[in-house]
N, C-alpha and C. Protein backbone atom coordinates (compact mmCIF):
# COMPACT_ATOMS: atom_id res chain seq x y z
N MET A 1 81.81 113.31 105.63
CA MET A 1 82.49 112.53 106.44
C MET A 1 83.32 113.34 107.48
N LYS A 2 83.41 112.65 108.64
CA LYS A 2 84.37 113.49 109.71
C LYS A 2 85.60 112.60 110.00
N LEU A 3 86.71 112.88 109.97
CA LEU A 3 87.79 112.30 110.57
C LEU A 3 88.45 112.85 111.71
N TYR A 4 88.68 112.33 112.86
CA TYR A 4 89.15 112.45 113.93
C TYR A 4 90.80 112.15 114.09
N TYR A 5 91.36 113.18 114.37
CA TYR A 5 92.86 112.70 114.01
C TYR A 5 93.80 113.56 115.22
N ALA A 6 95.09 113.20 115.40
CA ALA A 6 96.06 114.05 116.10
C ALA A 6 96.86 113.56 115.47
N GLU A 7 98.24 114.41 115.89
CA GLU A 7 99.34 114.52 114.77
C GLU A 7 100.41 113.52 115.32
N THR A 8 99.99 112.24 115.27
CA THR A 8 100.63 111.04 115.49
C THR A 8 100.82 109.91 114.54
N MET A 9 101.48 109.18 114.80
CA MET A 9 101.50 107.94 113.52
C MET A 9 100.52 107.34 112.97
N ASN A 10 99.61 106.76 113.56
CA ASN A 10 98.71 106.31 112.88
C ASN A 10 97.50 107.20 112.38
N PRO A 11 97.16 108.53 113.01
CA PRO A 11 96.30 109.23 112.19
C PRO A 11 96.95 109.85 111.02
N ARG A 12 98.13 109.70 110.84
CA ARG A 12 99.16 110.42 109.86
C ARG A 12 98.62 109.64 108.72
N LYS A 13 98.59 108.17 108.45
CA LYS A 13 98.13 107.48 107.35
C LYS A 13 96.81 108.06 106.98
N ALA A 14 95.97 107.92 107.92
CA ALA A 14 94.44 108.29 107.44
C ALA A 14 94.21 109.89 106.62
N CYS A 15 94.98 110.93 107.42
CA CYS A 15 95.13 112.08 106.77
C CYS A 15 95.91 112.30 105.74
N ALA A 16 96.88 111.44 105.23
CA ALA A 16 97.70 111.55 103.96
C ALA A 16 97.00 111.04 103.26
N VAL A 17 96.27 110.08 103.27
CA VAL A 17 95.37 109.16 102.33
C VAL A 17 94.14 110.41 101.78
N ALA A 18 93.56 110.97 102.81
CA ALA A 18 92.42 111.59 102.78
C ALA A 18 92.64 112.67 101.92
N LYS A 19 94.08 113.56 102.22
CA LYS A 19 94.61 114.61 101.59
C LYS A 19 94.88 114.19 100.18
N TYR A 20 95.57 113.30 99.68
CA TYR A 20 96.06 112.88 98.50
C TYR A 20 94.83 112.47 97.57
N LEU A 21 93.57 111.98 98.23
CA LEU A 21 92.59 111.83 97.26
C LEU A 21 91.53 112.74 97.41
N GLY A 22 91.82 113.91 97.83
CA GLY A 22 90.89 115.19 97.86
C GLY A 22 89.62 114.76 98.61
N SER A 23 89.66 113.70 99.48
CA SER A 23 88.17 113.08 99.94
C SER A 23 87.44 114.28 100.71
N PRO A 24 86.19 114.30 100.95
CA PRO A 24 85.56 115.22 101.24
C PRO A 24 85.21 115.09 102.95
N VAL A 25 86.26 114.99 103.76
CA VAL A 25 86.30 115.17 104.94
C VAL A 25 86.14 116.20 105.79
N GLU A 26 85.70 116.36 107.03
CA GLU A 26 86.08 117.30 107.88
C GLU A 26 87.19 116.87 109.06
N PHE A 27 88.05 117.40 108.98
CA PHE A 27 89.24 116.95 109.81
C PHE A 27 88.71 117.46 111.43
N ILE A 28 88.71 116.71 112.35
CA ILE A 28 88.76 117.04 113.75
C ILE A 28 89.65 116.58 114.51
N ARG A 29 90.38 117.70 115.18
CA ARG A 29 91.59 117.43 115.98
C ARG A 29 91.05 117.02 117.29
N VAL A 30 91.81 115.65 117.96
CA VAL A 30 91.64 115.49 119.13
C VAL A 30 92.67 115.64 120.04
N ASP A 31 92.59 116.58 121.04
CA ASP A 31 93.69 116.80 121.90
C ASP A 31 94.08 115.68 122.68
N LEU A 32 95.05 115.05 122.60
CA LEU A 32 95.47 113.89 123.18
C LEU A 32 95.64 114.35 124.56
N ALA A 33 96.62 115.44 124.87
CA ALA A 33 97.39 115.84 126.00
C ALA A 33 96.31 116.02 127.19
N LYS A 34 95.04 116.79 126.67
CA LYS A 34 93.95 116.76 127.52
C LYS A 34 92.75 115.75 127.73
N GLY A 35 93.39 114.53 126.85
CA GLY A 35 92.50 113.39 127.19
C GLY A 35 91.10 113.52 126.39
N GLU A 36 91.11 114.01 125.42
CA GLU A 36 89.40 114.20 124.69
C GLU A 36 89.39 112.96 124.11
N GLN A 37 90.35 112.11 123.93
CA GLN A 37 89.88 110.73 123.24
C GLN A 37 89.26 110.00 124.18
N ARG A 38 89.27 110.43 125.54
CA ARG A 38 88.77 109.44 126.55
C ARG A 38 87.32 110.15 127.12
N SER A 39 86.88 111.19 126.44
CA SER A 39 85.78 111.60 126.96
C SER A 39 84.39 110.78 126.70
N PRO A 40 83.60 110.76 127.36
CA PRO A 40 82.18 110.18 126.97
C PRO A 40 81.48 110.56 125.43
N ALA A 41 81.89 111.44 125.07
CA ALA A 41 81.20 111.81 123.59
C ALA A 41 81.76 110.91 122.70
N PHE A 42 83.39 111.03 122.84
CA PHE A 42 84.38 110.25 121.95
C PHE A 42 84.24 108.64 122.11
N LEU A 43 84.14 108.15 123.39
CA LEU A 43 84.03 106.84 123.50
C LEU A 43 82.97 106.52 122.82
N GLU A 44 81.59 107.16 122.83
CA GLU A 44 80.58 106.72 121.87
C GLU A 44 80.80 106.32 120.50
N GLN A 45 81.67 107.02 120.00
CA GLN A 45 82.08 106.89 118.71
C GLN A 45 82.90 105.73 118.66
N ASN A 46 84.18 105.80 119.39
CA ASN A 46 85.04 104.79 119.31
C ASN A 46 85.37 104.18 120.50
N PRO A 47 84.94 103.14 121.21
CA PRO A 47 85.26 102.53 122.50
C PRO A 47 86.43 102.58 122.81
N ASN A 48 87.42 102.51 121.80
CA ASN A 48 88.95 102.22 121.98
C ASN A 48 89.59 103.33 122.63
N GLY A 49 89.03 104.44 122.34
CA GLY A 49 89.34 105.56 122.87
C GLY A 49 90.70 106.03 122.21
N LYS A 50 90.97 106.06 120.97
CA LYS A 50 92.10 106.16 120.06
C LYS A 50 91.59 107.07 118.87
N VAL A 51 92.38 107.60 118.26
CA VAL A 51 92.48 108.02 117.10
C VAL A 51 93.34 107.45 115.90
N PRO A 52 93.20 107.30 114.72
CA PRO A 52 92.04 108.11 113.92
C PRO A 52 90.38 107.08 114.16
N LEU A 53 89.62 108.20 113.90
CA LEU A 53 88.15 107.56 113.91
C LEU A 53 87.45 108.47 112.34
N LEU A 54 87.00 107.77 111.38
CA LEU A 54 86.40 108.29 110.47
C LEU A 54 84.64 107.84 110.62
N VAL A 55 84.01 109.23 110.56
CA VAL A 55 82.68 108.80 110.54
C VAL A 55 82.00 109.16 109.48
N ASP A 56 81.27 107.98 108.78
CA ASP A 56 80.72 108.24 107.31
C ASP A 56 79.38 107.83 107.45
N GLY A 57 78.37 108.75 107.53
CA GLY A 57 77.34 108.60 107.78
C GLY A 57 76.90 107.67 109.13
N ASP A 58 76.39 106.52 108.86
CA ASP A 58 76.01 105.63 110.38
C ASP A 58 77.26 104.76 110.66
N LEU A 59 78.25 104.90 109.79
CA LEU A 59 79.29 103.85 109.96
C LEU A 59 80.63 104.85 110.90
N ARG A 60 80.93 104.03 111.72
CA ARG A 60 82.05 104.46 112.75
C ARG A 60 83.26 103.49 112.51
N LEU A 61 84.29 104.40 111.66
CA LEU A 61 85.10 103.02 111.34
C LEU A 61 86.47 103.67 112.05
N TRP A 62 87.00 102.74 112.98
CA TRP A 62 88.36 102.88 113.49
C TRP A 62 89.33 101.97 112.79
N GLU A 63 90.51 102.08 113.37
CA GLU A 63 91.97 101.56 112.66
C GLU A 63 92.17 102.23 111.24
N SER A 64 93.58 102.60 111.46
CA SER A 64 93.91 103.45 110.14
C SER A 64 94.05 102.72 109.19
N THR A 65 94.63 101.29 108.96
CA THR A 65 94.44 100.91 107.62
C THR A 65 93.11 100.32 107.09
N ALA A 66 92.14 100.20 108.04
CA ALA A 66 90.72 100.23 107.51
C ALA A 66 90.17 101.15 106.71
N ILE A 67 90.53 102.76 107.46
CA ILE A 67 89.98 103.58 107.12
C ILE A 67 90.82 104.30 105.79
N MET A 68 92.14 103.80 105.64
CA MET A 68 92.68 104.06 104.16
C MET A 68 91.89 103.38 103.29
N ALA A 69 91.65 102.11 103.65
CA ALA A 69 91.13 101.29 102.44
C ALA A 69 89.42 101.62 102.04
N HIS A 70 88.96 102.36 103.27
CA HIS A 70 87.50 102.80 102.79
C HIS A 70 87.59 103.89 102.02
N LEU A 71 88.71 104.74 102.37
CA LEU A 71 88.49 106.25 101.62
C LEU A 71 88.92 105.85 99.99
N ALA A 72 89.81 105.00 99.81
CA ALA A 72 90.15 104.59 98.69
C ALA A 72 89.10 103.79 97.61
N VAL A 73 88.59 103.08 98.32
CA VAL A 73 87.43 102.34 97.77
C VAL A 73 86.26 103.31 97.18
N LYS A 74 86.05 104.12 98.36
CA LYS A 74 84.96 105.14 98.20
C LYS A 74 85.17 105.94 96.98
N ALA A 75 86.51 106.74 96.93
CA ALA A 75 86.94 107.49 95.74
C ALA A 75 86.92 106.78 94.74
N GLY A 76 86.94 105.36 94.48
CA GLY A 76 87.32 104.78 93.11
C GLY A 76 88.68 104.55 92.81
N SER A 77 89.63 104.91 93.87
CA SER A 77 91.04 104.84 93.54
C SER A 77 91.91 103.50 93.63
N ASP A 78 92.80 103.70 92.78
CA ASP A 78 93.88 102.55 92.70
C ASP A 78 94.94 102.64 93.88
N LEU A 79 94.71 103.55 94.86
CA LEU A 79 95.19 103.09 95.85
C LEU A 79 94.99 101.77 96.74
N TRP A 80 93.65 101.50 96.52
CA TRP A 80 93.15 100.03 96.60
C TRP A 80 92.93 99.19 95.52
N PRO A 81 93.81 98.39 94.86
CA PRO A 81 93.97 98.13 93.61
C PRO A 81 92.62 97.21 93.27
N ALA A 82 92.42 97.03 92.13
CA ALA A 82 91.20 96.45 91.54
C ALA A 82 91.40 95.05 91.48
N ASP A 83 92.37 94.29 91.27
CA ASP A 83 92.57 92.82 91.13
C ASP A 83 92.77 92.39 92.38
N ALA A 84 92.42 91.26 92.56
CA ALA A 84 92.24 90.43 93.85
C ALA A 84 93.87 90.07 94.32
N ALA A 85 94.43 89.67 93.46
CA ALA A 85 96.01 89.13 93.71
C ALA A 85 97.03 90.45 94.33
N SER A 86 96.51 91.68 93.90
CA SER A 86 97.06 92.76 94.11
C SER A 86 96.81 93.28 95.40
N GLN A 87 95.28 93.16 95.69
CA GLN A 87 94.68 93.40 97.07
C GLN A 87 95.47 92.56 97.98
N VAL A 88 95.39 91.21 97.80
CA VAL A 88 96.25 90.43 98.83
C VAL A 88 97.54 90.75 99.20
N GLU A 89 98.25 91.19 98.20
CA GLU A 89 99.52 91.87 98.58
C GLU A 89 99.30 92.92 99.29
N VAL A 90 98.90 93.79 99.01
CA VAL A 90 98.53 95.09 99.96
C VAL A 90 98.19 94.69 101.35
N LEU A 91 97.49 94.11 101.62
CA LEU A 91 96.97 93.18 103.07
C LEU A 91 98.19 92.57 103.64
N ARG A 92 99.08 92.00 102.81
CA ARG A 92 100.32 90.99 103.31
C ARG A 92 101.22 92.36 103.89
N TRP A 93 101.68 93.37 103.00
CA TRP A 93 102.48 94.23 103.33
C TRP A 93 101.84 95.08 104.62
N LEU A 94 100.78 95.49 104.79
CA LEU A 94 99.90 96.04 105.85
C LEU A 94 100.38 95.37 107.03
N SER A 95 99.73 94.13 106.97
CA SER A 95 99.85 93.16 108.16
C SER A 95 101.15 92.92 108.59
N TRP A 96 102.22 92.94 107.57
CA TRP A 96 103.93 92.67 108.15
C TRP A 96 104.26 94.09 108.58
N ASP A 97 103.72 95.14 108.54
CA ASP A 97 104.36 96.40 108.75
C ASP A 97 103.76 96.63 110.41
N ILE A 98 102.33 96.05 110.60
CA ILE A 98 101.78 96.13 112.06
C ILE A 98 102.53 95.03 112.93
N ALA A 99 102.83 93.98 112.38
CA ALA A 99 103.33 92.77 113.16
C ALA A 99 104.91 93.33 113.26
N HIS A 100 105.45 93.73 112.40
CA HIS A 100 107.11 93.67 112.70
C HIS A 100 107.65 94.95 112.51
N PHE A 101 107.83 95.69 111.34
CA PHE A 101 108.53 96.96 110.88
C PHE A 101 107.75 98.32 111.73
N SER A 102 106.62 98.62 111.52
CA SER A 102 106.04 99.79 112.55
C SER A 102 105.97 99.20 113.86
N ARG A 103 105.64 98.27 114.06
CA ARG A 103 105.70 97.72 115.95
C ARG A 103 106.83 98.08 116.47
N HIS A 104 108.26 97.73 115.85
CA HIS A 104 109.47 97.71 116.26
C HIS A 104 109.80 99.36 116.53
N GLY A 105 109.30 99.94 115.02
CA GLY A 105 109.68 101.35 114.88
C GLY A 105 108.80 101.89 115.95
N SER A 106 107.74 101.80 116.01
CA SER A 106 107.01 102.49 117.08
C SER A 106 107.35 102.45 118.60
N SER A 107 108.09 101.50 118.64
CA SER A 107 108.90 101.30 120.32
C SER A 107 109.84 102.07 120.29
N LEU A 108 110.78 102.48 119.43
CA LEU A 108 111.84 103.60 119.31
C LEU A 108 111.14 105.00 119.11
N TYR A 109 109.82 105.21 118.68
CA TYR A 109 108.95 106.21 118.48
C TYR A 109 108.62 106.75 119.80
N PHE A 110 108.29 105.99 120.63
CA PHE A 110 107.74 106.01 121.98
C PHE A 110 108.75 106.31 122.93
N GLU A 111 109.84 105.80 122.73
CA GLU A 111 110.86 105.78 123.74
C GLU A 111 111.68 107.26 123.22
N HIS A 112 111.72 107.69 122.32
CA HIS A 112 112.57 108.74 121.97
C HIS A 112 111.98 110.21 121.90
N MET A 113 110.38 110.03 121.46
CA MET A 113 109.58 111.15 121.17
C MET A 113 108.11 111.25 122.25
N ILE A 114 107.69 110.09 122.48
CA ILE A 114 106.28 110.32 123.24
C ILE A 114 106.88 110.43 124.76
N LYS A 115 107.60 109.47 125.13
CA LYS A 115 107.96 109.62 126.59
C LYS A 115 108.61 111.08 126.91
N PRO A 116 109.22 111.73 126.16
CA PRO A 116 109.43 113.43 126.46
C PRO A 116 108.65 114.18 126.55
N PHE A 117 107.53 113.72 125.49
CA PHE A 117 106.46 114.73 125.19
C PHE A 117 105.62 114.82 126.67
N LEU A 118 105.41 113.30 126.98
CA LEU A 118 104.39 113.07 128.50
C LEU A 118 105.27 113.47 129.73
N GLY A 119 106.53 113.64 129.66
CA GLY A 119 107.26 113.50 130.74
C GLY A 119 107.67 112.49 131.57
N LEU A 120 107.47 111.44 130.75
CA LEU A 120 108.03 109.60 131.62
C LEU A 120 109.24 109.63 131.58
N GLY A 121 110.05 110.75 131.64
CA GLY A 121 111.69 110.24 131.80
C GLY A 121 112.48 109.72 130.58
N GLU A 122 113.54 109.53 130.73
CA GLU A 122 114.72 108.99 129.77
C GLU A 122 114.31 107.70 129.02
N PRO A 123 114.82 107.49 127.72
CA PRO A 123 114.37 106.34 126.71
C PRO A 123 114.96 105.26 127.89
N ASN A 124 114.57 103.91 127.52
CA ASN A 124 115.00 102.68 128.36
C ASN A 124 115.74 101.88 127.49
N ALA A 125 117.10 102.10 128.18
CA ALA A 125 118.28 101.65 127.02
C ALA A 125 117.91 100.19 126.46
N ALA A 126 117.52 99.34 127.22
CA ALA A 126 117.29 98.02 126.87
C ALA A 126 116.38 97.70 125.81
N ALA A 127 115.29 98.57 126.10
CA ALA A 127 114.17 98.69 124.95
C ALA A 127 114.30 99.07 123.82
N VAL A 128 115.37 100.34 123.98
CA VAL A 128 115.68 101.08 122.61
C VAL A 128 116.66 99.80 121.87
N GLU A 129 117.62 99.05 122.55
CA GLU A 129 118.56 98.53 122.09
C GLU A 129 117.66 97.00 121.49
N GLU A 130 116.89 96.70 121.92
CA GLU A 130 116.07 95.36 121.28
C GLU A 130 115.22 95.89 120.29
N ALA A 131 114.42 97.00 120.29
CA ALA A 131 113.49 97.73 119.29
C ALA A 131 114.54 98.01 117.93
N THR A 132 115.78 98.45 118.14
CA THR A 132 116.66 98.72 117.19
C THR A 132 116.98 97.45 116.35
N ASN A 133 117.46 96.40 117.35
CA ASN A 133 117.90 95.28 116.44
C ASN A 133 116.76 94.68 115.69
N PHE A 134 115.76 94.60 115.99
CA PHE A 134 114.45 94.41 115.34
C PHE A 134 114.27 95.14 114.36
N PHE A 135 114.27 96.26 114.53
CA PHE A 135 113.87 97.37 113.32
C PHE A 135 114.87 97.15 112.09
N ARG A 136 116.13 96.97 112.40
CA ARG A 136 117.45 96.69 111.60
C ARG A 136 117.01 95.43 110.52
N ARG A 137 116.69 94.22 111.36
CA ARG A 137 116.22 93.02 110.76
C ARG A 137 114.96 92.97 109.99
N PHE A 138 114.13 93.85 110.03
CA PHE A 138 112.87 93.95 109.29
C PHE A 138 113.14 94.90 108.31
N ALA A 139 113.75 96.06 108.60
CA ALA A 139 114.25 96.86 107.48
C ALA A 139 114.89 96.39 106.36
N GLY A 140 115.88 95.16 106.85
CA GLY A 140 116.49 94.49 105.63
C GLY A 140 115.53 93.81 104.49
N VAL A 141 114.61 93.29 105.32
CA VAL A 141 113.60 92.74 104.48
C VAL A 141 112.84 93.67 103.60
N LEU A 142 112.46 94.63 103.89
CA LEU A 142 111.81 95.79 103.13
C LEU A 142 113.04 96.50 102.07
N ASP A 143 114.04 96.82 102.64
CA ASP A 143 115.08 97.18 101.70
C ASP A 143 115.12 96.21 100.57
N GLU A 144 115.48 95.11 100.76
CA GLU A 144 115.62 94.02 99.37
C GLU A 144 114.47 94.10 98.60
N HIS A 145 113.36 93.85 99.43
CA HIS A 145 112.01 94.24 98.34
C HIS A 145 112.12 95.21 97.52
N LEU A 146 112.35 96.46 98.19
CA LEU A 146 112.38 97.90 97.26
C LEU A 146 113.64 97.69 96.16
N ALA A 147 114.29 96.60 96.30
CA ALA A 147 115.62 97.14 95.19
C ALA A 147 115.29 97.10 93.94
N THR A 148 114.14 96.67 93.37
CA THR A 148 113.98 96.65 92.09
C THR A 148 112.55 97.09 91.96
N ARG A 149 112.04 97.81 92.86
CA ARG A 149 110.94 98.53 92.79
C ARG A 149 110.61 99.82 93.17
N ASP A 150 109.40 100.73 92.74
CA ASP A 150 109.33 101.88 93.19
C ASP A 150 108.21 102.09 94.06
N TYR A 151 107.64 101.06 94.06
CA TYR A 151 106.58 100.97 95.32
C TYR A 151 106.30 99.43 95.92
N LEU A 152 105.56 99.37 96.90
CA LEU A 152 105.60 98.35 97.60
C LEU A 152 104.73 97.30 96.85
N VAL A 153 103.83 97.39 95.99
CA VAL A 153 102.91 96.58 95.28
C VAL A 153 102.72 96.93 93.74
N GLY A 154 102.95 95.91 93.11
CA GLY A 154 103.13 96.57 91.40
C GLY A 154 103.81 97.50 91.20
N ASP A 155 103.52 98.28 90.25
CA ASP A 155 104.08 99.84 89.87
C ASP A 155 103.37 100.76 90.36
N LYS A 156 102.72 100.81 91.18
CA LYS A 156 101.79 101.83 91.75
C LYS A 156 101.85 102.18 93.02
N LEU A 157 101.44 103.31 93.23
CA LEU A 157 101.38 103.88 94.63
C LEU A 157 99.87 103.10 95.10
N SER A 158 100.05 102.72 96.44
CA SER A 158 98.90 101.86 97.11
C SER A 158 99.14 102.38 98.63
N ILE A 159 97.59 102.24 99.34
CA ILE A 159 97.95 102.12 100.74
C ILE A 159 98.61 101.52 101.56
N ALA A 160 99.40 100.66 100.96
CA ALA A 160 100.61 99.77 101.69
C ALA A 160 101.74 100.77 101.62
N ASP A 161 101.91 101.60 100.71
CA ASP A 161 103.14 102.33 101.07
C ASP A 161 102.75 103.44 101.88
N PHE A 162 101.63 103.87 102.03
CA PHE A 162 101.28 105.01 103.18
C PHE A 162 101.12 104.21 104.52
N GLY A 163 100.94 103.08 104.35
CA GLY A 163 101.13 102.41 105.78
C GLY A 163 102.49 101.96 106.29
N VAL A 164 103.13 101.28 105.59
CA VAL A 164 104.60 101.00 105.87
C VAL A 164 105.46 102.36 105.89
N GLY A 165 105.19 103.13 105.21
CA GLY A 165 106.27 104.40 105.75
C GLY A 165 105.68 105.54 106.56
N VAL A 166 105.04 105.20 107.40
CA VAL A 166 104.36 106.08 108.14
C VAL A 166 105.31 106.65 109.19
N LEU A 167 106.12 105.97 109.93
CA LEU A 167 107.18 106.48 110.74
C LEU A 167 108.32 107.12 110.14
N LEU A 168 108.65 106.80 108.82
CA LEU A 168 109.90 107.32 108.09
C LEU A 168 109.92 109.04 108.17
N PRO A 169 108.85 109.95 108.51
CA PRO A 169 109.13 111.25 108.48
C PRO A 169 109.77 111.67 109.75
N TRP A 170 109.63 110.69 110.81
CA TRP A 170 110.12 110.85 112.08
C TRP A 170 111.45 110.14 112.47
N SER A 171 111.95 109.58 111.30
CA SER A 171 113.07 108.78 111.20
C SER A 171 114.37 109.35 112.30
N THR A 172 114.42 110.79 112.04
CA THR A 172 115.69 111.51 112.84
C THR A 172 115.41 111.39 114.21
N SER A 173 113.94 111.80 114.71
CA SER A 173 113.45 112.26 115.90
C SER A 173 113.47 111.16 116.65
N ALA A 174 113.01 109.84 116.06
CA ALA A 174 112.76 108.65 116.51
C ALA A 174 114.09 107.57 116.66
N HIS A 175 114.82 108.12 116.17
CA HIS A 175 116.15 107.40 116.04
C HIS A 175 116.15 106.08 115.03
N LEU A 176 115.27 106.14 114.14
CA LEU A 176 115.35 104.97 113.22
C LEU A 176 116.71 104.75 112.48
N PRO A 177 117.35 103.73 112.29
CA PRO A 177 118.50 103.57 111.53
C PRO A 177 118.33 103.30 109.85
N VAL A 178 117.22 104.28 109.45
CA VAL A 178 116.82 104.08 108.16
C VAL A 178 117.70 104.47 107.11
N ALA A 179 118.93 105.28 107.40
CA ALA A 179 119.85 105.54 106.40
C ALA A 179 120.81 104.35 106.24
N GLU A 180 120.81 103.57 106.81
CA GLU A 180 121.53 102.02 106.57
C GLU A 180 120.73 101.62 105.22
N PHE A 181 119.69 101.78 104.85
CA PHE A 181 119.19 101.01 103.79
C PHE A 181 118.67 102.13 102.62
N PRO A 182 119.57 101.99 101.64
CA PRO A 182 119.36 103.02 100.75
C PRO A 182 118.12 102.78 99.77
N HIS A 183 117.52 101.67 99.67
CA HIS A 183 116.48 101.35 98.91
C HIS A 183 115.11 101.84 99.33
N ILE A 184 115.33 101.78 100.81
CA ILE A 184 114.16 102.58 101.76
C ILE A 184 114.27 104.01 101.86
N VAL A 185 115.52 104.70 101.72
CA VAL A 185 115.68 106.12 101.52
C VAL A 185 114.77 106.35 100.16
N ARG A 186 115.45 105.77 98.96
CA ARG A 186 115.04 106.13 97.75
C ARG A 186 113.64 106.24 97.55
N TRP A 187 112.99 105.11 98.27
CA TRP A 187 111.21 104.93 98.26
C TRP A 187 110.73 106.22 98.97
N HIS A 188 111.37 106.43 100.13
CA HIS A 188 110.83 107.57 101.07
C HIS A 188 110.84 108.75 100.48
N GLU A 189 111.87 109.21 99.78
CA GLU A 189 112.27 110.30 98.82
C GLU A 189 110.99 110.63 98.06
N ARG A 190 110.73 109.28 97.44
CA ARG A 190 109.38 109.30 96.41
C ARG A 190 108.25 109.84 97.19
N LEU A 191 107.84 109.30 98.12
CA LEU A 191 106.84 109.60 98.88
C LEU A 191 106.82 111.08 99.38
N MET A 192 108.03 111.39 99.75
CA MET A 192 108.14 112.88 100.07
C MET A 192 107.77 113.77 98.83
N ALA A 193 107.97 113.43 98.14
CA ALA A 193 107.39 114.43 96.75
C ALA A 193 106.11 114.42 96.60
N LEU A 194 105.25 113.82 97.34
CA LEU A 194 103.78 113.95 97.60
C LEU A 194 103.48 114.99 98.54
N PRO A 195 102.91 116.13 98.21
CA PRO A 195 102.24 117.21 99.35
C PRO A 195 101.74 116.53 100.26
N ALA A 196 100.56 115.44 99.98
CA ALA A 196 100.10 114.93 100.92
C ALA A 196 100.62 114.14 102.10
N TRP A 197 101.87 113.73 101.41
CA TRP A 197 102.59 112.83 102.44
C TRP A 197 103.41 113.78 103.32
N ARG A 198 103.99 114.80 102.66
CA ARG A 198 105.10 115.73 103.59
C ARG A 198 103.97 116.57 104.53
N GLU A 199 102.78 116.87 104.22
CA GLU A 199 101.86 117.75 105.08
C GLU A 199 100.63 116.99 105.24
N PRO A 200 100.46 115.92 105.78
CA PRO A 200 98.83 115.25 105.87
C PRO A 200 98.28 115.89 106.80
N PHE A 201 98.37 116.63 108.03
CA PHE A 201 97.57 117.28 108.74
C PHE A 201 97.03 118.30 108.41
N PRO A 202 95.94 118.85 108.72
CA PRO A 202 95.43 120.18 108.35
C PRO A 202 96.26 121.32 108.89
N ALA A 203 96.37 122.61 108.60
CA ALA A 203 97.04 123.56 108.91
C ALA A 203 96.34 124.13 110.26
N ALA A 204 97.16 124.35 111.05
CA ALA A 204 96.81 124.72 112.59
C ALA A 204 95.86 125.99 112.16
N ILE A 205 94.81 126.17 113.11
CA ILE A 205 94.02 127.57 112.93
C ILE A 205 94.53 128.49 113.94
N PRO A 206 94.85 129.77 113.17
CA PRO A 206 95.54 130.76 114.30
C PRO A 206 94.68 131.27 115.32
N ALA A 207 95.26 131.52 116.48
CA ALA A 207 94.38 131.82 117.58
C ALA A 207 93.99 133.25 117.21
N ALA A 208 92.53 133.48 118.10
CA ALA A 208 92.07 134.55 117.89
C ALA A 208 92.78 135.62 118.30
N ALA A 209 92.85 136.92 117.76
CA ALA A 209 93.54 138.19 118.39
C ALA A 209 92.74 138.37 119.34
């Protein structure tokens, strides 16, 4: 298997799961700054021109949540639960995250991290205020859910945790008001105890002397 990635939020999910599972993948870095994701060769693999992308034999699989599920199923891991009710719960939290939590968190990530990186100017104050308010609203939902739980679904780690937590390692740089939510903080500290979560991306290859 080949996993195409960059050191950004959605590839982080796929890389962390692959590392956690010890999946037999070859990590291939795509240089977004050079536009490698828009090259004809890459677009043949993923017409969306985005990462992550997993190539597994004849399968060309994009979308980070689908890649996480595929890797877990292929490994026979309970990161993808065996029972149908828990599978539905995993899908619920992943869908909620994309529609609400990471949707607004990613706006802050863009304003505070991506715009400076790309030289697109200062953060838009109105966009930041709106995204912060929405993020707080949905962080409250997550914090309440985690008040009596160690993980999002049942009592075990699942791909829901890898998905919903994806922006939290960047909470300081992205100005996410996570510190206001103690149960989210506790949950993310548990994730940070996992080496694959702390360092999901392959080590950089040293330049030739």
